[in-house]
Amino acid sequence: EVMQASCSVLWSTAAMAAMLLGWRRANRRAWLAGAA
């Protein structure tokens, strides 16, 4: 259970980083990768 919860939070943090990077650089592909 700890691994599954940790994966969810890690993956969400990675998605947020990709979406933030995509928004800051106006790169839709990076933002959409984070959304996916």
PDB file of all heavy atoms in Angstrom:
ATOM      1  N   GLU A   1       0.829  -1.206   0.000  1.00  0.00           N
ATOM      2  CA  GLU A   1       0.000   0.000   0.000  1.00  0.00           C
ATOM      3  C   GLU A   1       0.861   1.254   0.000  1.00  0.00           C
ATOM      4  O   GLU A   1       0.535   2.245  -0.648  1.00  0.00           O
ATOM      5  CB  GLU A   1      -0.914  -0.010   1.216  1.00  0.00           C
ATOM      6  CG  GLU A   1      -1.894  -1.149   1.215  1.00  0.00           C
ATOM      7  CD  GLU A   1      -2.607  -1.301   2.540  1.00  0.00           C
ATOM      8  OE1 GLU A   1      -2.279  -0.570   3.499  1.00  0.00           O
ATOM      9  OE2 GLU A   1      -3.502  -2.144   2.607  1.00  0.00           O
ATOM     10  N   VAL A   2       1.959   1.206   0.720  1.00  0.00           N
ATOM     11  CA  VAL A   2       2.853   2.366   0.782  1.00  0.00           C
ATOM     12  C   VAL A   2       3.474   2.636  -0.580  1.00  0.00           C
ATOM     13  O   VAL A   2       3.567   3.793  -1.012  1.00  0.00           O
ATOM     14  CB  VAL A   2       3.951   2.140   1.856  1.00  0.00           C
ATOM     15  CG1 VAL A   2       4.959   3.263   1.839  1.00  0.00           C
ATOM     16  CG2 VAL A   2       3.321   1.994   3.227  1.00  0.00           C
ATOM     17  N   MET A   3       3.864   1.602  -1.291  1.00  0.00           N
ATOM     18  CA  MET A   3       4.448   1.771  -2.618  1.00  0.00           C
ATOM     19  C   MET A   3       3.425   2.354  -3.586  1.00  0.00           C
ATOM     20  O   MET A   3       3.744   3.258  -4.371  1.00  0.00           O
ATOM     21  CB  MET A   3       4.987   0.434  -3.142  1.00  0.00           C
ATOM     22  CG  MET A   3       5.610   0.507  -4.501  1.00  0.00           C
ATOM     23  SD  MET A   3       7.091   1.525  -4.492  1.00  0.00           S
ATOM     24  CE  MET A   3       7.504   1.500  -6.207  1.00  0.00           C
ATOM     25  N   GLN A   4       2.208   1.850  -3.548  1.00  0.00           N
ATOM     26  CA  GLN A   4       1.183   2.349  -4.454  1.00  0.00           C
ATOM     27  C   GLN A   4       0.861   3.812  -4.176  1.00  0.00           C
ATOM     28  O   GLN A   4       0.726   4.611  -5.104  1.00  0.00           O
ATOM     29  CB  GLN A   4      -0.085   1.493  -4.350  1.00  0.00           C
ATOM     30  CG  GLN A   4       0.081   0.096  -4.894  1.00  0.00           C
ATOM     31  CD  GLN A   4       0.448   0.074  -6.361  1.00  0.00           C
ATOM     32  OE1 GLN A   4       0.088   0.939  -7.136  1.00  0.00           O
ATOM     33  NE2 GLN A   4       1.191  -0.953  -6.745  1.00  0.00           N
ATOM     34  N   ALA A   5       0.733   4.165  -2.915  1.00  0.00           N
ATOM     35  CA  ALA A   5       0.461   5.561  -2.560  1.00  0.00           C
ATOM     36  C   ALA A   5       1.632   6.459  -2.957  1.00  0.00           C
ATOM     37  O   ALA A   5       1.430   7.559  -3.481  1.00  0.00           O
ATOM     38  CB  ALA A   5       0.181   5.680  -1.066  1.00  0.00           C
ATOM     39  N   SER A   6       2.844   5.987  -2.731  1.00  0.00           N
ATOM     40  CA  SER A   6       4.027   6.768  -3.093  1.00  0.00           C
ATOM     41  C   SER A   6       4.129   6.962  -4.597  1.00  0.00           C
ATOM     42  O   SER A   6       4.488   8.047  -5.065  1.00  0.00           O
ATOM     43  CB  SER A   6       5.290   6.088  -2.571  1.00  0.00           C
ATOM     44  OG  SER A   6       5.245   5.966  -1.174  1.00  0.00           O
ATOM     45  N   CYS A   7       3.813   5.925  -5.356  1.00  0.00           N
ATOM     46  CA  CYS A   7       3.822   6.043  -6.820  1.00  0.00           C
ATOM     47  C   CYS A   7       2.810   7.080  -7.289  1.00  0.00           C
ATOM     48  O   CYS A   7       3.098   7.879  -8.187  1.00  0.00           O
ATOM     49  CB  CYS A   7       3.522   4.697  -7.475  1.00  0.00           C
ATOM     50  SG  CYS A   7       4.924   3.608  -7.600  1.00  0.00           S
ATOM     51  N   SER A   8       1.631   7.061  -6.702  1.00  0.00           N
ATOM     52  CA  SER A   8       0.603   8.030  -7.100  1.00  0.00           C
ATOM     53  C   SER A   8       1.071   9.454  -6.864  1.00  0.00           C
ATOM     54  O   SER A   8       0.915  10.323  -7.727  1.00  0.00           O
ATOM     55  CB  SER A   8      -0.689   7.775  -6.328  1.00  0.00           C
ATOM     56  OG  SER A   8      -1.241   6.533  -6.662  1.00  0.00           O
ATOM     57  N   VAL A   9       1.655   9.700  -5.716  1.00  0.00           N
ATOM     58  CA  VAL A   9       2.120  11.052  -5.409  1.00  0.00           C
ATOM     59  C   VAL A   9       3.321  11.424  -6.278  1.00  0.00           C
ATOM     60  O   VAL A   9       3.405  12.545  -6.794  1.00  0.00           O
ATOM     61  CB  VAL A   9       2.437  11.190  -3.908  1.00  0.00           C
ATOM     62  CG1 VAL A   9       3.078  12.517  -3.595  1.00  0.00           C
ATOM     63  CG2 VAL A   9       1.169  10.997  -3.083  1.00  0.00           C
ATOM     64  N   LEU A  10       4.249  10.497  -6.474  1.00  0.00           N
ATOM     65  CA  LEU A  10       5.416  10.768  -7.322  1.00  0.00           C
ATOM     66  C   LEU A  10       4.991  11.064  -8.753  1.00  0.00           C
ATOM     67  O   LEU A  10       5.459  12.028  -9.366  1.00  0.00           O
ATOM     68  CB  LEU A  10       6.391   9.586  -7.300  1.00  0.00           C
ATOM     69  CG  LEU A  10       7.575   9.694  -8.268  1.00  0.00           C
ATOM     70  CD1 LEU A  10       8.552  10.752  -7.775  1.00  0.00           C
ATOM     71  CD2 LEU A  10       8.266   8.362  -8.428  1.00  0.00           C
ATOM     72  N   TRP A  11       4.109  10.256  -9.293  1.00  0.00           N
ATOM     73  CA  TRP A  11       3.662  10.459 -10.667  1.00  0.00           C
ATOM     74  C   TRP A  11       2.886  11.760 -10.811  1.00  0.00           C
ATOM     75  O   TRP A  11       3.004  12.454 -11.818  1.00  0.00           O
ATOM     76  CB  TRP A  11       2.826   9.280 -11.143  1.00  0.00           C
ATOM     77  CG  TRP A  11       3.566   7.992 -11.240  1.00  0.00           C
ATOM     78  CD1 TRP A  11       4.884   7.764 -10.993  1.00  0.00           C
ATOM     79  CD2 TRP A  11       3.016   6.729 -11.602  1.00  0.00           C
ATOM     80  NE1 TRP A  11       5.183   6.442 -11.175  1.00  0.00           N
ATOM     81  CE2 TRP A  11       4.052   5.782 -11.554  1.00  0.00           C
ATOM     82  CE3 TRP A  11       1.743   6.300 -11.941  1.00  0.00           C
ATOM     83  CZ2 TRP A  11       3.855   4.443 -11.848  1.00  0.00           C
ATOM     84  CZ3 TRP A  11       1.543   4.964 -12.241  1.00  0.00           C
ATOM     85  CH2 TRP A  11       2.590   4.049 -12.202  1.00  0.00           C
ATOM     86  N   SER A  12       2.087  12.107  -9.807  1.00  0.00           N
ATOM     87  CA  SER A  12       1.363  13.376  -9.856  1.00  0.00           C
ATOM     88  C   SER A  12       2.325  14.556  -9.795  1.00  0.00           C
ATOM     89  O   SER A  12       2.127  15.565 -10.473  1.00  0.00           O
ATOM     90  CB  SER A  12       0.380  13.469  -8.699  1.00  0.00           C
ATOM     91  OG  SER A  12      -0.601  12.487  -8.807  1.00  0.00           O
ATOM     92  N   THR A  13       3.360  14.434  -8.994  1.00  0.00           N
ATOM     93  CA  THR A  13       4.368  15.490  -8.916  1.00  0.00           C
ATOM     94  C   THR A  13       5.107  15.629 -10.245  1.00  0.00           C
ATOM     95  O   THR A  13       5.379  16.745 -10.699  1.00  0.00           O
ATOM     96  CB  THR A  13       5.355  15.197  -7.777  1.00  0.00           C
ATOM     97  OG1 THR A  13       4.616  15.033  -6.561  1.00  0.00           O
ATOM     98  CG2 THR A  13       6.360  16.310  -7.616  1.00  0.00           C
ATOM     99  N   ALA A  14       5.415  14.505 -10.882  1.00  0.00           N
ATOM    100  CA  ALA A  14       6.069  14.548 -12.193  1.00  0.00           C
ATOM    101  C   ALA A  14       5.136  15.167 -13.233  1.00  0.00           C
ATOM    102  O   ALA A  14       5.581  15.949 -14.095  1.00  0.00           O
ATOM    103  CB  ALA A  14       6.486  13.146 -12.619  1.00  0.00           C
ATOM    104  N   ALA A  15       3.850  14.835 -13.165  1.00  0.00           N
ATOM    105  CA  ALA A  15       2.879  15.428 -14.088  1.00  0.00           C
ATOM    106  C   ALA A  15       2.799  16.934 -13.874  1.00  0.00           C
ATOM    107  O   ALA A  15       2.744  17.708 -14.836  1.00  0.00           O
ATOM    108  CB  ALA A  15       1.511  14.783 -13.899  1.00  0.00           C
ATOM    109  N   MET A  16       2.793  17.358 -12.609  1.00  0.00           N
ATOM    110  CA  MET A  16       2.744  18.786 -12.316  1.00  0.00           C
ATOM    111  C   MET A  16       3.999  19.488 -12.829  1.00  0.00           C
ATOM    112  O   MET A  16       3.916  20.587 -13.389  1.00  0.00           O
ATOM    113  CB  MET A  16       2.597  19.026 -10.817  1.00  0.00           C
ATOM    114  CG  MET A  16       2.430  20.494 -10.484  1.00  0.00           C
ATOM    115  SD  MET A  16       2.083  20.829  -8.768  1.00  0.00           S
ATOM    116  CE  MET A  16       3.650  20.496  -8.019  1.00  0.00           C
ATOM    117  N   ALA A  17       5.144  18.864 -12.671  1.00  0.00           N
ATOM    118  CA  ALA A  17       6.388  19.466 -13.169  1.00  0.00           C
ATOM    119  C   ALA A  17       6.349  19.613 -14.688  1.00  0.00           C
ATOM    120  O   ALA A  17       6.743  20.657 -15.229  1.00  0.00           O
ATOM    121  CB  ALA A  17       7.589  18.626 -12.738  1.00  0.00           C
ATOM    122  N   ALA A  18       5.864  18.584 -15.387  1.00  0.00           N
ATOM    123  CA  ALA A  18       5.786  18.653 -16.844  1.00  0.00           C
ATOM    124  C   ALA A  18       4.783  19.714 -17.293  1.00  0.00           C
ATOM    125  O   ALA A  18       5.036  20.460 -18.249  1.00  0.00           O
ATOM    126  CB  ALA A  18       5.400  17.291 -17.411  1.00  0.00           C
ATOM    127  N   MET A  19       3.655  19.792 -16.606  1.00  0.00           N
ATOM    128  CA  MET A  19       2.648  20.789 -16.980  1.00  0.00           C
ATOM    129  C   MET A  19       3.130  22.203 -16.681  1.00  0.00           C
ATOM    130  O   MET A  19       2.898  23.123 -17.475  1.00  0.00           O
ATOM    131  CB  MET A  19       1.337  20.488 -16.258  1.00  0.00           C
ATOM    132  CG  MET A  19       0.674  19.218 -16.752  1.00  0.00           C
ATOM    133  SD  MET A  19      -0.756  18.740 -15.786  1.00  0.00           S
ATOM    134  CE  MET A  19      -1.954  19.919 -16.366  1.00  0.00           C
ATOM    135  N   LEU A  20       3.815  22.387 -15.578  1.00  0.00           N
ATOM    136  CA  LEU A  20       4.347  23.705 -15.246  1.00  0.00           C
ATOM    137  C   LEU A  20       5.438  24.116 -16.233  1.00  0.00           C
ATOM    138  O   LEU A  20       5.469  25.248 -16.697  1.00  0.00           O
ATOM    139  CB  LEU A  20       4.891  23.706 -13.819  1.00  0.00           C
ATOM    140  CG  LEU A  20       5.352  25.041 -13.263  1.00  0.00           C
ATOM    141  CD1 LEU A  20       4.190  26.027 -13.226  1.00  0.00           C
ATOM    142  CD2 LEU A  20       5.929  24.869 -11.875  1.00  0.00           C
ATOM    143  N   LEU A  21       6.301  23.173 -16.565  1.00  0.00           N
ATOM    144  CA  LEU A  21       7.347  23.450 -17.547  1.00  0.00           C
ATOM    145  C   LEU A  21       6.734  23.785 -18.902  1.00  0.00           C
ATOM    146  O   LEU A  21       7.166  24.724 -19.581  1.00  0.00           O
ATOM    147  CB  LEU A  21       8.281  22.240 -17.675  1.00  0.00           C
ATOM    148  CG  LEU A  21       9.448  22.380 -18.637  1.00  0.00           C
ATOM    149  CD1 LEU A  21      10.481  23.327 -18.043  1.00  0.00           C
ATOM    150  CD2 LEU A  21      10.069  21.038 -18.912  1.00  0.00           C
ATOM    151  N   GLY A  22       5.719  23.018 -19.301  1.00  0.00           N
ATOM    152  CA  GLY A  22       5.051  23.288 -20.569  1.00  0.00           C
ATOM    153  C   GLY A  22       4.371  24.643 -20.585  1.00  0.00           C
ATOM    154  O   GLY A  22       4.390  25.350 -21.598  1.00  0.00           O
ATOM    155  N   TRP A  23       3.759  25.019 -19.464  1.00  0.00           N
ATOM    156  CA  TRP A  23       3.098  26.323 -19.400  1.00  0.00           C
ATOM    157  C   TRP A  23       4.116  27.456 -19.427  1.00  0.00           C
ATOM    158  O   TRP A  23       3.933  28.451 -20.128  1.00  0.00           O
ATOM    159  CB  TRP A  23       2.239  26.394 -18.139  1.00  0.00           C
ATOM    160  CG  TRP A  23       1.623  27.731 -17.947  1.00  0.00           C
ATOM    161  CD1 TRP A  23       0.622  28.277 -18.700  1.00  0.00           C
ATOM    162  CD2 TRP A  23       1.963  28.695 -16.964  1.00  0.00           C
ATOM    163  NE1 TRP A  23       0.323  29.533 -18.230  1.00  0.00           N
ATOM    164  CE2 TRP A  23       1.127  29.809 -17.155  1.00  0.00           C
ATOM    165  CE3 TRP A  23       2.897  28.717 -15.923  1.00  0.00           C
ATOM    166  CZ2 TRP A  23       1.204  30.940 -16.357  1.00  0.00           C
ATOM    167  CZ3 TRP A  23       2.952  29.840 -15.125  1.00  0.00           C
ATOM    168  CH2 TRP A  23       2.118  30.926 -15.346  1.00  0.00           C
ATOM    169  N   ARG A  24       5.200  27.318 -18.658  1.00  0.00           N
ATOM    170  CA  ARG A  24       6.219  28.382 -18.597  1.00  0.00           C
ATOM    171  C   ARG A  24       6.899  28.599 -19.943  1.00  0.00           C
ATOM    172  O   ARG A  24       7.234  29.724 -20.302  1.00  0.00           O
ATOM    173  CB  ARG A  24       7.282  28.040 -17.562  1.00  0.00           C
ATOM    174  CG  ARG A  24       6.766  28.025 -16.166  1.00  0.00           C
ATOM    175  CD  ARG A  24       7.330  29.194 -15.448  1.00  0.00           C
ATOM    176  NE  ARG A  24       6.919  29.106 -14.043  1.00  0.00           N
ATOM    177  CZ  ARG A  24       6.637  30.151 -13.336  1.00  0.00           C
ATOM    178  NH1 ARG A  24       6.743  31.338 -13.862  1.00  0.00           N
ATOM    179  NH2 ARG A  24       6.264  30.026 -12.089  1.00  0.00           N
ATOM    180  N   ARG A  25       7.145  27.509 -20.659  1.00  0.00           N
ATOM    181  CA  ARG A  25       7.840  27.614 -21.944  1.00  0.00           C
ATOM    182  C   ARG A  25       6.888  27.660 -23.130  1.00  0.00           C
ATOM    183  O   ARG A  25       7.333  27.617 -24.271  1.00  0.00           O
ATOM    184  CB  ARG A  25       8.799  26.435 -22.106  1.00  0.00           C
ATOM    185  CG  ARG A  25       9.913  26.465 -21.089  1.00  0.00           C
ATOM    186  CD  ARG A  25      10.909  25.395 -21.347  1.00  0.00           C
ATOM    187  NE  ARG A  25      11.975  25.457 -20.363  1.00  0.00           N
ATOM    188  CZ  ARG A  25      12.973  24.605 -20.309  1.00  0.00           C
ATOM    189  NH1 ARG A  25      13.030  23.598 -21.168  1.00  0.00           N
ATOM    190  NH2 ARG A  25      13.902  24.728 -19.392  1.00  0.00           N
ATOM    191  N   ALA A  26       5.585  27.699 -22.859  1.00  0.00           N
ATOM    192  CA  ALA A  26       4.545  27.687 -23.892  1.00  0.00           C
ATOM    193  C   ALA A  26       4.711  26.484 -24.815  1.00  0.00           C
ATOM    194  O   ALA A  26       4.590  26.576 -26.025  1.00  0.00           O
ATOM    195  CB  ALA A  26       4.545  28.997 -24.679  1.00  0.00           C
ATOM    196  N   ASN A  27       5.007  25.349 -24.225  1.00  0.00           N
ATOM    197  CA  ASN A  27       5.205  24.104 -24.966  1.00  0.00           C
ATOM    198  C   ASN A  27       4.016  23.186 -24.684  1.00  0.00           C
ATOM    199  O   ASN A  27       3.913  22.578 -23.623  1.00  0.00           O
ATOM    200  CB  ASN A  27       6.510  23.444 -24.521  1.00  0.00           C
ATOM    201  CG  ASN A  27       6.832  22.201 -25.299  1.00  0.00           C
ATOM    202  OD1 ASN A  27       6.007  21.676 -26.036  1.00  0.00           O
ATOM    203  ND2 ASN A  27       8.055  21.733 -25.141  1.00  0.00           N
ATOM    204  N   ARG A  28       3.115  23.105 -25.644  1.00  0.00           N
ATOM    205  CA  ARG A  28       1.901  22.310 -25.450  1.00  0.00           C
ATOM    206  C   ARG A  28       2.200  20.823 -25.331  1.00  0.00           C
ATOM    207  O   ARG A  28       1.491  20.117 -24.632  1.00  0.00           O
ATOM    208  CB  ARG A  28       0.945  22.529 -26.617  1.00  0.00           C
ATOM    209  CG  ARG A  28      -0.051  23.586 -26.300  1.00  0.00           C
ATOM    210  CD  ARG A  28      -1.158  23.571 -27.269  1.00  0.00           C
ATOM    211  NE  ARG A  28      -2.305  24.091 -26.532  1.00  0.00           N
ATOM    212  CZ  ARG A  28      -3.488  24.224 -27.017  1.00  0.00           C
ATOM    213  NH1 ARG A  28      -3.722  23.855 -28.241  1.00  0.00           N
ATOM    214  NH2 ARG A  28      -4.451  24.702 -26.291  1.00  0.00           N
ATOM    215  N   ARG A  29       3.204  20.336 -26.017  1.00  0.00           N
ATOM    216  CA  ARG A  29       3.522  18.900 -25.953  1.00  0.00           C
ATOM    217  C   ARG A  29       3.912  18.475 -24.543  1.00  0.00           C
ATOM    218  O   ARG A  29       3.477  17.444 -24.054  1.00  0.00           O
ATOM    219  CB  ARG A  29       4.618  18.543 -26.935  1.00  0.00           C
ATOM    220  CG  ARG A  29       4.140  18.518 -28.344  1.00  0.00           C
ATOM    221  CD  ARG A  29       5.219  18.009 -29.249  1.00  0.00           C
ATOM    222  NE  ARG A  29       4.733  18.034 -30.607  1.00  0.00           N
ATOM    223  CZ  ARG A  29       5.129  17.228 -31.539  1.00  0.00           C
ATOM    224  NH1 ARG A  29       6.042  16.329 -31.268  1.00  0.00           N
ATOM    225  NH2 ARG A  29       4.629  17.310 -32.749  1.00  0.00           N
ATOM    226  N   ALA A  30       4.746  19.269 -23.892  1.00  0.00           N
ATOM    227  CA  ALA A  30       5.143  18.946 -22.519  1.00  0.00           C
ATOM    228  C   ALA A  30       3.937  19.021 -21.597  1.00  0.00           C
ATOM    229  O   ALA A  30       3.763  18.169 -20.717  1.00  0.00           O
ATOM    230  CB  ALA A  30       6.242  19.909 -22.044  1.00  0.00           C
ATOM    231  N   TRP A  31       3.087  20.028 -21.795  1.00  0.00           N
ATOM    232  CA  TRP A  31       1.895  20.161 -20.960  1.00  0.00           C
ATOM    233  C   TRP A  31       0.966  18.969 -21.163  1.00  0.00           C
ATOM    234  O   TRP A  31       0.435  18.424 -20.200  1.00  0.00           O
ATOM    235  CB  TRP A  31       1.176  21.467 -21.301  1.00  0.00           C
ATOM    236  CG  TRP A  31       0.111  21.820 -20.322  1.00  0.00           C
ATOM    237  CD1 TRP A  31       0.259  22.614 -19.233  1.00  0.00           C
ATOM    238  CD2 TRP A  31      -1.246  21.383 -20.325  1.00  0.00           C
ATOM    239  NE1 TRP A  31      -0.936  22.699 -18.561  1.00  0.00           N
ATOM    240  CE2 TRP A  31      -1.880  21.955 -19.208  1.00  0.00           C
ATOM    241  CE3 TRP A  31      -1.999  20.569 -21.159  1.00  0.00           C
ATOM    242  CZ2 TRP A  31      -3.219  21.740 -18.918  1.00  0.00           C
ATOM    243  CZ3 TRP A  31      -3.333  20.345 -20.871  1.00  0.00           C
ATOM    244  CH2 TRP A  31      -3.928  20.929 -19.758  1.00  0.00           C
ATOM    245  N   LEU A  32       0.768  18.563 -22.412  1.00  0.00           N
ATOM    246  CA  LEU A  32      -0.106  17.422 -22.701  1.00  0.00           C
ATOM    247  C   LEU A  32       0.483  16.111 -22.195  1.00  0.00           C
ATOM    248  O   LEU A  32      -0.257  15.219 -21.783  1.00  0.00           O
ATOM    249  CB  LEU A  32      -0.401  17.345 -24.199  1.00  0.00           C
ATOM    250  CG  LEU A  32      -1.314  18.453 -24.728  1.00  0.00           C
ATOM    251  CD1 LEU A  32      -1.400  18.393 -26.246  1.00  0.00           C
ATOM    252  CD2 LEU A  32      -2.690  18.379 -24.102  1.00  0.00           C
ATOM    253  N   ALA A  33       1.803  15.984 -22.202  1.00  0.00           N
ATOM    254  CA  ALA A  33       2.435  14.788 -21.626  1.00  0.00           C
ATOM    255  C   ALA A  33       2.159  14.726 -20.124  1.00  0.00           C
ATOM    256  O   ALA A  33       1.855  13.659 -19.578  1.00  0.00           O
ATOM    257  CB  ALA A  33       3.932  14.802 -21.899  1.00  0.00           C
ATOM    258  N   GLY A  34       2.244  15.861 -19.455  1.00  0.00           N
ATOM    259  CA  GLY A  34       1.914  15.908 -18.034  1.00  0.00           C
ATOM    260  C   GLY A  34       0.449  15.587 -17.788  1.00  0.00           C
ATOM    261  O   GLY A  34       0.103  14.874 -16.846  1.00  0.00           O
ATOM    262  N   ALA A  35      -0.431  16.096 -18.642  1.00  0.00           N
ATOM    263  CA  ALA A  35      -1.861  15.808 -18.500  1.00  0.00           C
ATOM    264  C   ALA A  35      -2.140  14.326 -18.735  1.00  0.00           C
ATOM    265  O   ALA A  35      -2.981  13.730 -18.050  1.00  0.00           O
ATOM    266  CB  ALA A  35      -2.665  16.665 -19.472  1.00  0.00           C
ATOM    267  N   ALA A  36      -1.444  13.714 -19.681  1.00  0.00           N
ATOM    268  CA  ALA A  36      -1.617  12.275 -19.926  1.00  0.00           C
ATOM    269  C   ALA A  36      -1.138  11.461 -18.726  1.00  0.00           C
ATOM    270  O   ALA A  36      -1.795  10.483 -18.328  1.00  0.00           O
ATOM    271  CB  ALA A  36      -0.863  11.866 -21.189  1.00  0.00           C
TER     272      ALA A  36
END
